[in-house]
Amino acid sequence: MMAAAPASGRREVHHRVPRCLLKAFDRAQEPGLEPKDLQAWFEWEEEAFRYGVDPDLSREELAKVIEGSTVELAGDEHRALHGAAGDFARWGRLGGIETLRRYGHPWFALLARRRWGKVGVEALAVYREELVAKAEAA
């Protein structure tokens, strides 16, 4: 049974099989036996198994599985689902650490508030200008 929508009525599309699997798939397709190539393949298999996907699917088949896995959820329920699964922390480790190092915690907090509709694009632009000014002063 799906939870009722929040007062704002905001609904979000959730992929039970996440779209990030396409990136993992693409990285794993590098030919070769170099350590980075093998690591990419192991990461692909780990992510595929995590979501119950056959790692031997073609990219086209994987895309169909991903699109067929969508459900509509209330925004709060969607965020809670990813939070409980530890997705935010895992996704941060996959690519956000460098961004976090470069831009800091305030940028991540601002991005979250933007995603949740709490601030507008203008707030991102102002903060970005502050970062540029700070970098130029250093």
C-alpha atoms as a PDB file:
ATOM      1  CA  MET A   1       0.000   0.000   0.000  1.00  0.00           C
ATOM      2  CA  MET A   2       1.412   3.376  -0.995  1.00  0.00           C
ATOM      3  CA  ALA A   3       1.595   6.155   1.596  1.00  0.00           C
ATOM      4  CA  ALA A   4      -0.481   9.262   1.093  1.00  0.00           C
ATOM      5  CA  ALA A   5       1.170  12.142  -0.709  1.00  0.00           C
ATOM      6  CA  PRO A   6       2.462  15.007   1.436  1.00  0.00           C
ATOM      7  CA  ALA A   7       0.348  18.146   1.652  1.00  0.00           C
ATOM      8  CA  SER A   8       2.219  19.621  -1.307  1.00  0.00           C
ATOM      9  CA  GLY A   9       1.214  16.588  -3.387  1.00  0.00           C
ATOM     10  CA  ARG A  10       4.795  16.153  -4.599  1.00  0.00           C
ATOM     11  CA  ARG A  11       5.365  12.712  -6.061  1.00  0.00           C
ATOM     12  CA  GLU A  12       8.695  11.297  -7.203  1.00  0.00           C
ATOM     13  CA  VAL A  13       9.684   8.405  -9.424  1.00  0.00           C
ATOM     14  CA  HIS A  14      11.730   5.736  -7.678  1.00  0.00           C
ATOM     15  CA  HIS A  15      13.728   3.135  -9.588  1.00  0.00           C
ATOM     16  CA  ARG A  16      13.888  -0.156  -7.711  1.00  0.00           C
ATOM     17  CA  VAL A  17      16.792  -0.940 -10.031  1.00  0.00           C
ATOM     18  CA  PRO A  18      18.799   2.313 -10.065  1.00  0.00           C
ATOM     19  CA  ARG A  19      19.942   4.141 -13.174  1.00  0.00           C
ATOM     20  CA  CYS A  20      23.489   4.320 -11.799  1.00  0.00           C
ATOM     21  CA  LEU A  21      23.844   0.671 -12.845  1.00  0.00           C
ATOM     22  CA  LEU A  22      24.224   1.903 -16.427  1.00  0.00           C
ATOM     23  CA  LYS A  23      27.383   3.814 -15.471  1.00  0.00           C
ATOM     24  CA  ALA A  24      28.744   0.812 -13.608  1.00  0.00           C
ATOM     25  CA  PHE A  25      27.944  -1.352 -16.634  1.00  0.00           C
ATOM     26  CA  ASP A  26      29.743   1.049 -18.987  1.00  0.00           C
ATOM     27  CA  ARG A  27      32.860   1.179 -16.789  1.00  0.00           C
ATOM     28  CA  ALA A  28      32.942  -2.626 -16.659  1.00  0.00           C
ATOM     29  CA  GLN A  29      33.018  -2.917 -20.443  1.00  0.00           C
ATOM     30  CA  GLU A  30      36.623  -1.710 -20.740  1.00  0.00           C
ATOM     31  CA  PRO A  31      38.606  -4.530 -22.313  1.00  0.00           C
ATOM     32  CA  GLY A  32      41.731  -5.678 -20.599  1.00  0.00           C
ATOM     33  CA  LEU A  33      43.116  -7.291 -17.530  1.00  0.00           C
ATOM     34  CA  GLU A  34      44.556  -4.201 -15.901  1.00  0.00           C
ATOM     35  CA  PRO A  35      43.678  -3.880 -12.207  1.00  0.00           C
ATOM     36  CA  LYS A  36      41.357  -0.914 -12.900  1.00  0.00           C
ATOM     37  CA  ASP A  37      39.494  -2.962 -15.526  1.00  0.00           C
ATOM     38  CA  LEU A  38      39.053  -5.911 -13.187  1.00  0.00           C
ATOM     39  CA  GLN A  39      37.989  -3.614 -10.355  1.00  0.00           C
ATOM     40  CA  ALA A  40      35.341  -2.033 -12.591  1.00  0.00           C
ATOM     41  CA  TRP A  41      33.992  -5.468 -13.484  1.00  0.00           C
ATOM     42  CA  PHE A  42      33.858  -6.575  -9.832  1.00  0.00           C
ATOM     43  CA  GLU A  43      32.068  -3.352  -8.878  1.00  0.00           C
ATOM     44  CA  TRP A  44      29.558  -3.902 -11.695  1.00  0.00           C
ATOM     45  CA  GLU A  45      28.852  -7.453 -10.561  1.00  0.00           C
ATOM     46  CA  GLU A  46      28.488  -6.370  -6.938  1.00  0.00           C
ATOM     47  CA  GLU A  47      25.981  -3.655  -7.860  1.00  0.00           C
ATOM     48  CA  ALA A  48      24.106  -5.955 -10.240  1.00  0.00           C
ATOM     49  CA  PHE A  49      23.757  -8.659  -7.580  1.00  0.00           C
ATOM     50  CA  ARG A  50      22.753  -6.048  -4.970  1.00  0.00           C
ATOM     51  CA  TYR A  51      19.671  -5.272  -7.068  1.00  0.00           C
ATOM     52  CA  GLY A  52      18.997  -8.795  -8.327  1.00  0.00           C
ATOM     53  CA  VAL A  53      20.132  -8.083 -11.886  1.00  0.00           C
ATOM     54  CA  ASP A  54      21.878 -10.646 -14.071  1.00  0.00           C
ATOM     55  CA  PRO A  55      25.371  -9.195 -14.727  1.00  0.00           C
ATOM     56  CA  ASP A  56      25.389 -10.830 -18.164  1.00  0.00           C
ATOM     57  CA  LEU A  57      22.562  -8.635 -19.521  1.00  0.00           C
ATOM     58  CA  SER A  58      23.253  -6.393 -22.491  1.00  0.00           C
ATOM     59  CA  ARG A  59      23.130  -2.631 -21.947  1.00  0.00           C
ATOM     60  CA  GLU A  60      19.809  -2.438 -23.779  1.00  0.00           C
ATOM     61  CA  GLU A  61      18.317  -5.196 -21.614  1.00  0.00           C
ATOM     62  CA  LEU A  62      19.610  -3.470 -18.489  1.00  0.00           C
ATOM     63  CA  ALA A  63      18.017  -0.171 -19.567  1.00  0.00           C
ATOM     64  CA  LYS A  64      14.682  -1.945 -20.028  1.00  0.00           C
ATOM     65  CA  VAL A  65      14.935  -3.566 -16.587  1.00  0.00           C
ATOM     66  CA  ILE A  66      15.684  -0.177 -15.016  1.00  0.00           C
ATOM     67  CA  GLU A  67      12.783   1.592 -16.721  1.00  0.00           C
ATOM     68  CA  GLY A  68      10.466  -1.282 -15.850  1.00  0.00           C
ATOM     69  CA  SER A  69      11.356  -0.963 -12.175  1.00  0.00           C
ATOM     70  CA  THR A  70       9.835   2.481 -11.598  1.00  0.00           C
ATOM     71  CA  VAL A  71       7.211   3.247  -8.995  1.00  0.00           C
ATOM     72  CA  GLU A  72       5.741   6.574  -7.922  1.00  0.00           C
ATOM     73  CA  LEU A  73       6.202   7.509  -4.273  1.00  0.00           C
ATOM     74  CA  ALA A  74       5.577  10.490  -2.045  1.00  0.00           C
ATOM     75  CA  GLY A  75       8.732  12.623  -1.909  1.00  0.00           C
ATOM     76  CA  ASP A  76       9.273  12.061   1.826  1.00  0.00           C
ATOM     77  CA  GLU A  77       8.768   8.326   1.443  1.00  0.00           C
ATOM     78  CA  HIS A  78      11.238   8.257  -1.465  1.00  0.00           C
ATOM     79  CA  ARG A  79      13.982  10.027   0.528  1.00  0.00           C
ATOM     80  CA  ALA A  80      13.317   7.841   3.571  1.00  0.00           C
ATOM     81  CA  LEU A  81      13.597   4.714   1.438  1.00  0.00           C
ATOM     82  CA  HIS A  82      17.022   5.738   0.089  1.00  0.00           C
ATOM     83  CA  GLY A  83      18.162   6.881   3.527  1.00  0.00           C
ATOM     84  CA  ALA A  84      17.214   3.586   5.194  1.00  0.00           C
ATOM     85  CA  ALA A  85      19.016   1.634   2.481  1.00  0.00           C
ATOM     86  CA  GLY A  86      22.204   3.654   3.046  1.00  0.00           C
ATOM     87  CA  ASP A  87      22.113   4.821  -0.568  1.00  0.00           C
ATOM     88  CA  PHE A  88      23.058   8.433   0.148  1.00  0.00           C
ATOM     89  CA  ALA A  89      26.230   7.432   1.979  1.00  0.00           C
ATOM     90  CA  ARG A  90      27.144   4.845  -0.662  1.00  0.00           C
ATOM     91  CA  TRP A  91      26.510   7.267  -3.527  1.00  0.00           C
ATOM     92  CA  GLY A  92      28.624   9.850  -1.763  1.00  0.00           C
ATOM     93  CA  ARG A  93      31.495   7.396  -1.608  1.00  0.00           C
ATOM     94  CA  LEU A  94      31.108   6.631  -5.309  1.00  0.00           C
ATOM     95  CA  GLY A  95      31.653  10.183  -6.485  1.00  0.00           C
ATOM     96  CA  GLY A  96      30.754  12.740  -3.913  1.00  0.00           C
ATOM     97  CA  ILE A  97      33.921  12.603  -1.849  1.00  0.00           C
ATOM     98  CA  GLU A  98      35.869  14.615  -4.392  1.00  0.00           C
ATOM     99  CA  THR A  99      33.001  17.081  -4.753  1.00  0.00           C
ATOM    100  CA  LEU A 100      32.719  17.297  -0.976  1.00  0.00           C
ATOM    101  CA  ARG A 101      36.448  17.979  -0.681  1.00  0.00           C
ATOM    102  CA  ARG A 102      36.295  20.595  -3.401  1.00  0.00           C
ATOM    103  CA  TYR A 103      33.120  22.463  -2.369  1.00  0.00           C
ATOM    104  CA  GLY A 104      32.532  21.533   1.275  1.00  0.00           C
ATOM    105  CA  HIS A 105      29.598  20.470   3.407  1.00  0.00           C
ATOM    106  CA  PRO A 106      27.625  23.702   2.878  1.00  0.00           C
ATOM    107  CA  TRP A 107      27.413  22.981  -0.873  1.00  0.00           C
ATOM    108  CA  PHE A 108      26.025  19.488  -0.247  1.00  0.00           C
ATOM    109  CA  ALA A 109      23.506  20.860   2.254  1.00  0.00           C
ATOM    110  CA  LEU A 110      22.458  23.513  -0.250  1.00  0.00           C
ATOM    111  CA  LEU A 111      22.061  20.907  -3.004  1.00  0.00           C
ATOM    112  CA  ALA A 112      19.847  18.834  -0.721  1.00  0.00           C
ATOM    113  CA  ARG A 113      17.698  21.851   0.115  1.00  0.00           C
ATOM    114  CA  ARG A 114      17.422  22.623  -3.621  1.00  0.00           C
ATOM    115  CA  ARG A 115      16.377  19.056  -4.394  1.00  0.00           C
ATOM    116  CA  TRP A 116      13.714  19.196  -1.703  1.00  0.00           C
ATOM    117  CA  GLY A 117      12.377  22.495  -3.034  1.00  0.00           C
ATOM    118  CA  LYS A 118      13.480  24.527   0.005  1.00  0.00           C
ATOM    119  CA  VAL A 119      15.707  26.974  -1.944  1.00  0.00           C
ATOM    120  CA  GLY A 120      15.811  28.172  -5.526  1.00  0.00           C
ATOM    121  CA  VAL A 121      18.478  28.103  -8.194  1.00  0.00           C
ATOM    122  CA  GLU A 122      19.451  31.610  -7.130  1.00  0.00           C
ATOM    123  CA  ALA A 123      20.832  30.286  -3.830  1.00  0.00           C
ATOM    124  CA  LEU A 124      23.112  27.910  -5.735  1.00  0.00           C
ATOM    125  CA  ALA A 125      24.337  30.755  -7.961  1.00  0.00           C
ATOM    126  CA  VAL A 126      25.069  33.000  -4.973  1.00  0.00           C
ATOM    127  CA  TYR A 127      26.989  30.259  -3.180  1.00  0.00           C
ATOM    128  CA  ARG A 128      28.926  29.423  -6.354  1.00  0.00           C
ATOM    129  CA  GLU A 129      29.925  33.092  -6.695  1.00  0.00           C
ATOM    130  CA  GLU A 130      31.105  33.071  -3.073  1.00  0.00           C
ATOM    131  CA  LEU A 131      33.223  29.975  -3.774  1.00  0.00           C
ATOM    132  CA  VAL A 132      34.810  31.585  -6.838  1.00  0.00           C
ATOM    133  CA  ALA A 133      35.536  34.797  -4.909  1.00  0.00           C
ATOM    134  CA  LYS A 134      37.072  32.811  -2.066  1.00  0.00           C
ATOM    135  CA  ALA A 135      39.243  30.793  -4.482  1.00  0.00           C
ATOM    136  CA  GLU A 136      40.437  33.950  -6.242  1.00  0.00           C
ATOM    137  CA  ALA A 137      41.322  35.570  -2.917  1.00  0.00           C
ATOM    138  CA  ALA A 138      43.409  32.557  -1.871  1.00  0.00           C
END
